Amino acid sequence: MKQNVGILGLGIIGSRVADNLRKAGHEVFVWSRSARPVPNFLASPHEVAEAAGIIQIFVRDSVALIEAIEDMKPALKAGHLVMNHATVSKKATLQAAKLVEETGAAFLDAPFTGSKMAAQNGKLSYYIGGSDLLLERARPVLEASAAKILPLGAIGEAMVLKIVTNLVSAVIVEAVAEAADITKANGISLERLHEALESNANYSTLIGMKLPAIIKSDFEPHFALRNMLKDADFARELAAEAKLKTPALDCTAAAMRAGVDAGKGDLDFSVIGQR
């Protein structure tokens, strides 16, 4: 079933999701803070909500999410479905849901895993928090850019799971960077490290993507360092609220913060391996 779909945020992921929706035959209406020469680019989130019944949000952070919803609110009504895909805090997720539901519209917590090429190839995995009935309505739209759609509980719970999975990714890449430093310091090529890891139980798709980038110093952004740091800070906030310690994450966040402070924030987060 072809639908009118709105996309808010045309960054690395949102722009590619919009492309895949068009290829699937949906009518797509888009907005981002910077104007783009793409079909149906509208002047505001409010205009997108007037044009589309299902709205997918790919903005950068919690502040941008709430601002976009506040702008849309006068146009939202029963029948609208708003899905937030941006990784934001649990608090912002619950606030966004409340703002949307106050209008009579519906909300799904729908963060994703997968970076630039996954989005381009329609292979994102969506983590869904919210009503199964709403998910069935959203499914034809999500399938345009999804390899997997995983129901994971209530609104806010999917976001927590996205945040903690990014925690794991950040710590793994920092560990790989430290392994690379020790390898080089002992006069061994990093290609040998890659070869050794490929036969090790700890090898993963993530290592297979990020170690070659570290070896080649190719830090074209697939997932920006500043965004991974943002997500690490969300994880640390959740841990602090539960009075938990996160020593591995704390060290990794410090390394990422140093990279952002050094002007590397818009590079891929694998730049954490550039010493």
Protein backbone atom coordinates (compact mmCIF):
# COMPACT_ATOMS: atom_id res chain seq x y z
CA MET A 1 0.00 0.00 0.00
CA LYS A 2 1.52 3.29 -1.12
CA GLN A 3 1.30 6.17 1.34
CA ASN A 4 2.25 9.79 1.85
CA VAL A 5 5.32 9.68 4.10
CA GLY A 6 7.17 12.58 5.72
CA ILE A 7 10.89 12.60 6.48
CA LEU A 8 12.34 15.13 8.91
CA GLY A 9 16.14 15.26 8.71
CA LEU A 10 18.09 14.56 5.52
CA GLY A 11 21.48 13.60 6.90
CA ILE A 12 23.41 10.41 6.14
CA ILE A 13 20.48 8.15 7.04
CA GLY A 14 17.35 10.22 6.46
CA SER A 15 18.29 11.12 2.88
CA ARG A 16 18.82 7.46 1.99
CA VAL A 17 15.61 6.34 3.68
CA ALA A 18 13.76 8.96 1.62
CA ASP A 19 15.36 7.59 -1.57
CA ASN A 20 14.26 4.05 -0.72
CA LEU A 21 10.72 5.17 0.05
CA ARG A 22 10.52 6.84 -3.36
CA LYS A 23 11.82 3.68 -5.03
CA ALA A 24 9.10 1.71 -3.22
CA GLY A 25 6.49 4.01 -4.75
CA HIS A 26 5.56 6.12 -1.73
CA GLU A 27 4.98 9.86 -2.08
CA VAL A 28 7.67 11.42 0.12
CA PHE A 29 7.62 14.92 1.64
CA VAL A 30 10.82 16.09 3.29
CA TRP A 31 12.31 18.80 5.48
CA SER A 32 15.72 19.49 7.00
CA ARG A 33 17.39 22.52 8.56
CA SER A 34 19.45 23.01 5.37
CA ALA A 35 17.46 23.25 2.13
CA ARG A 36 18.06 20.39 -0.31
CA PRO A 37 17.35 20.20 -4.07
CA VAL A 38 15.10 17.13 -3.72
CA PRO A 39 11.46 16.49 -4.65
CA ASN A 40 8.77 17.74 -2.26
CA PHE A 41 11.15 19.69 -0.02
CA LEU A 42 8.91 21.69 2.32
CA ALA A 43 9.56 24.73 4.49
CA SER A 44 8.86 23.25 7.93
CA PRO A 45 7.93 20.14 9.92
CA HIS A 46 4.43 21.67 10.16
CA GLU A 47 4.08 21.56 6.36
CA VAL A 48 5.33 17.97 6.27
CA ALA A 49 2.67 16.98 8.83
CA GLU A 50 0.01 18.65 6.68
CA ALA A 51 1.14 16.62 3.66
CA ALA A 52 1.84 13.17 5.16
CA GLY A 53 0.04 10.81 7.52
CA ILE A 54 3.15 8.89 8.57
CA ILE A 55 6.22 10.87 9.63
CA GLN A 56 9.75 9.49 10.15
CA ILE A 57 12.15 11.65 12.17
CA PHE A 58 15.93 11.47 11.64
CA VAL A 59 17.12 14.66 13.35
CA ARG A 60 20.42 14.86 15.26
CA ASP A 61 19.52 15.13 18.95
CA SER A 62 16.93 15.50 21.69
CA VAL A 63 16.56 19.27 21.28
CA ALA A 64 15.99 18.97 17.53
CA LEU A 65 13.43 16.20 18.08
CA ILE A 66 11.33 18.22 20.51
CA GLU A 67 11.59 21.36 18.35
CA ALA A 68 10.37 19.42 15.30
CA ILE A 69 7.40 17.95 17.18
CA GLU A 70 6.45 21.32 18.67
CA ASP A 71 6.48 22.76 15.14
CA MET A 72 4.26 19.93 13.87
CA LYS A 73 1.80 19.93 16.78
CA PRO A 74 -0.82 22.28 15.28
CA ALA A 75 -1.01 20.03 12.20
CA LEU A 76 -1.08 16.67 14.02
CA LYS A 77 -4.37 14.90 14.59
CA ALA A 78 -5.90 11.47 15.02
CA GLY A 79 -4.70 9.36 12.11
CA HIS A 80 -1.13 10.66 12.13
CA LEU A 81 1.66 8.27 13.09
CA VAL A 82 4.98 9.78 14.15
CA MET A 83 8.07 7.57 14.39
CA ASN A 84 11.25 8.82 16.01
CA HIS A 85 14.40 7.17 14.62
CA ALA A 86 16.94 9.60 16.10
CA THR A 87 18.96 8.28 19.02
CA VAL A 88 17.99 10.58 21.88
CA SER A 89 17.69 10.24 25.64
CA LYS A 90 14.99 8.06 27.19
CA LYS A 91 13.58 11.21 28.81
CA ALA A 92 13.30 12.97 25.44
CA THR A 93 11.68 9.88 23.91
CA LEU A 94 8.95 9.86 26.56
CA GLN A 95 8.50 13.62 26.24
CA ALA A 96 8.17 13.33 22.45
CA ALA A 97 5.57 10.58 22.80
CA LYS A 98 3.56 12.70 25.25
CA LEU A 99 3.59 15.74 22.96
CA VAL A 100 2.45 13.69 19.97
CA GLU A 101 -0.24 11.79 21.85
CA GLU A 102 -1.68 15.04 23.27
CA THR A 103 -2.80 15.87 19.72
CA GLY A 104 -4.59 12.55 19.22
CA ALA A 105 -1.81 11.29 16.95
CA ALA A 106 0.17 8.10 17.60
CA PHE A 107 3.87 7.61 18.34
CA LEU A 108 6.39 4.81 17.91
CA ASP A 109 9.85 4.71 19.48
CA ALA A 110 11.85 3.38 16.51
CA PRO A 111 15.64 3.80 16.68
CA PHE A 112 17.70 1.82 14.18
CA THR A 113 21.03 0.13 13.85
CA GLY A 114 23.04 0.36 10.64
CA SER A 115 25.05 3.14 9.04
CA LYS A 116 25.36 4.74 5.60
CA MET A 117 25.60 1.68 3.37
CA ALA A 118 22.90 -0.19 5.29
CA ALA A 119 20.56 2.76 4.79
CA GLN A 120 21.48 3.04 1.12
CA ASN A 121 20.84 -0.66 0.53
CA GLY A 122 17.61 -0.80 2.54
CA LYS A 123 19.22 -2.96 5.24
CA LEU A 124 18.63 -1.03 8.48
CA SER A 125 17.39 -2.86 11.56
CA TYR A 126 14.67 -1.00 13.43
CA TYR A 127 14.15 -1.44 17.18
CA ILE A 128 10.48 -0.76 17.93
CA GLY A 129 8.97 0.40 21.21
CA GLY A 130 5.21 0.75 21.29
CA SER A 131 1.95 -0.78 20.13
CA ASP A 132 1.98 -3.87 17.93
CA LEU A 133 -1.06 -2.49 16.11
CA LEU A 134 0.79 0.72 15.26
CA LEU A 135 3.78 -1.30 14.11
CA GLU A 136 1.61 -3.20 11.64
CA ARG A 137 0.45 0.12 10.22
CA ALA A 138 4.05 1.33 9.98
CA ARG A 139 5.49 -1.90 8.60
CA PRO A 140 5.01 -1.19 4.85
CA VAL A 141 6.85 2.12 5.30
CA LEU A 142 9.66 0.69 7.45
CA GLU A 143 10.17 -2.22 5.06
CA ALA A 144 11.34 0.19 2.35
CA SER A 145 14.60 0.67 4.31
CA ALA A 146 14.70 -2.35 6.63
CA ALA A 147 16.37 -5.73 6.77
CA LYS A 148 14.81 -6.39 10.21
CA ILE A 149 12.03 -4.88 12.28
CA LEU A 150 12.29 -5.94 15.94
CA PRO A 151 9.49 -5.26 18.47
CA LEU A 152 11.31 -4.67 21.77
CA GLY A 153 8.76 -3.51 24.30
CA ALA A 154 7.25 -0.23 25.39
CA ILE A 155 8.05 3.31 24.29
CA GLY A 156 11.44 4.21 25.76
CA GLU A 157 12.62 0.60 26.06
CA ALA A 158 13.69 0.37 22.41
CA MET A 159 15.69 3.57 22.88
CA VAL A 160 17.47 2.20 25.96
CA LEU A 161 18.44 -0.91 23.99
CA LYS A 162 19.73 1.22 21.10
CA ILE A 163 21.82 3.30 23.50
CA VAL A 164 23.41 0.29 25.21
CA THR A 165 24.17 -1.47 21.91
CA ASN A 166 26.01 1.67 20.80
CA LEU A 167 27.90 1.53 24.11
CA VAL A 168 29.18 -1.92 23.09
CA SER A 169 30.18 -0.70 19.63
CA ALA A 170 32.10 2.29 20.99
CA VAL A 171 34.05 0.21 23.53
CA ILE A 172 34.90 -2.45 20.92
CA VAL A 173 36.31 0.12 18.49
CA GLU A 174 38.37 1.73 21.25
CA ALA A 175 39.74 -1.74 22.13
CA VAL A 176 40.60 -2.37 18.47
CA ALA A 177 42.37 1.00 18.30
CA GLU A 178 44.44 0.15 21.38
CA ALA A 179 45.27 -3.26 19.90
CA ALA A 180 46.38 -1.53 16.70
CA ASP A 181 48.65 0.82 18.65
CA ILE A 182 50.36 -2.05 20.47
CA THR A 183 50.69 -3.99 17.22
CA LYS A 184 52.39 -1.08 15.44
CA ALA A 185 54.63 -0.38 18.41
CA ASN A 186 55.99 -3.91 18.06
CA GLY A 187 56.77 -3.48 14.38
CA ILE A 188 53.94 -5.71 13.16
CA SER A 189 51.73 -4.67 10.25
CA LEU A 190 48.09 -3.98 11.01
CA GLU A 191 47.13 -6.32 8.19
CA ARG A 192 48.54 -9.12 10.37
CA LEU A 193 46.34 -7.96 13.22
CA HIS A 194 43.32 -8.11 10.92
CA GLU A 195 44.30 -11.59 9.78
CA ALA A 196 44.68 -12.75 13.39
CA LEU A 197 41.35 -11.28 14.45
CA GLU A 198 39.49 -12.88 11.55
CA SER A 199 40.24 -16.29 13.07
CA ASN A 200 39.43 -15.20 16.61
CA ALA A 201 36.11 -15.72 18.40
CA ASN A 202 35.85 -11.96 19.03
CA TYR A 203 35.76 -11.07 15.33
CA SER A 204 32.58 -9.25 14.27
CA THR A 205 31.01 -7.32 11.43
CA LEU A 206 31.94 -4.14 13.31
CA ILE A 207 35.63 -5.05 13.51
CA GLY A 208 35.51 -6.04 9.84
CA MET A 209 34.24 -2.55 8.99
CA LYS A 210 36.28 -0.39 11.34
CA LEU A 211 39.74 -1.99 11.48
CA PRO A 212 40.31 -1.51 7.71
CA ALA A 213 39.31 2.14 8.17
CA ILE A 214 41.85 2.51 10.97
CA ILE A 215 44.53 0.82 8.84
CA LYS A 216 43.87 3.12 5.86
CA SER A 217 43.14 6.26 7.93
CA ASP A 218 39.88 6.45 5.98
CA PHE A 219 37.43 8.21 8.27
CA GLU A 220 34.67 9.13 5.82
CA PRO A 221 31.63 9.42 8.09
CA HIS A 222 29.28 6.46 8.26
CA PHE A 223 28.46 7.25 11.89
CA ALA A 224 30.01 10.46 13.17
CA LEU A 225 32.21 10.58 16.25
CA ARG A 226 30.15 13.37 17.83
CA ASN A 227 27.00 11.26 17.47
CA MET A 228 28.63 8.23 19.09
CA LEU A 229 29.84 10.44 21.94
CA LYS A 230 26.30 11.78 22.36
CA ASP A 231 25.00 8.21 22.66
CA ALA A 232 27.77 7.29 25.11
CA ASP A 233 26.72 10.21 27.28
CA PHE A 234 23.11 8.97 27.20
CA ALA A 235 24.32 5.57 28.39
CA ARG A 236 26.34 7.13 31.18
CA GLU A 237 23.27 9.13 32.27
CA LEU A 238 21.17 5.96 32.41
CA ALA A 239 23.89 4.23 34.44
CA ALA A 240 24.16 7.15 36.84
CA GLU A 241 20.39 7.15 37.39
CA ALA A 242 20.64 3.47 38.34
CA LYS A 243 23.76 4.11 40.48
CA LEU A 244 25.85 1.87 38.22
CA LYS A 245 29.52 2.30 37.28
CA THR A 246 30.73 2.13 33.67
CA PRO A 247 34.55 2.20 33.77
CA ALA A 248 35.06 0.87 30.22
CA LEU A 249 32.55 3.33 28.79
CA ASP A 250 33.96 6.22 30.81
CA CYS A 251 37.43 5.72 29.31
CA THR A 252 35.99 5.36 25.82
CA ALA A 253 33.86 8.48 26.20
CA ALA A 254 36.93 10.43 27.34
CA ALA A 255 38.83 9.32 24.22
CA MET A 256 35.90 10.30 21.98
CA ARG A 257 35.52 13.67 23.71
CA ALA A 258 39.19 14.37 23.10
CA GLY A 259 38.64 13.59 19.41
CA VAL A 260 35.65 15.93 19.19
CA ASP A 261 37.62 18.66 21.00
CA ALA A 262 40.40 18.16 18.45
CA GLY A 263 38.01 18.92 15.60
CA LYS A 264 37.30 15.32 14.51
CA GLY A 265 33.65 15.22 15.52
CA ASP A 266 32.23 15.02 12.00
CA LEU A 267 34.52 12.14 10.98
CA ASP A 268 33.53 8.51 11.41
CA PHE A 269 33.79 7.31 15.00
CA SER A 270 36.54 4.90 13.96
CA VAL A 271 38.75 8.01 14.05
CA ILE A 272 39.02 7.17 17.74
CA GLY A 273 41.87 4.95 16.49
CA GLN A 274 43.84 7.91 15.13
CA ARG A 275 46.33 8.83 17.86
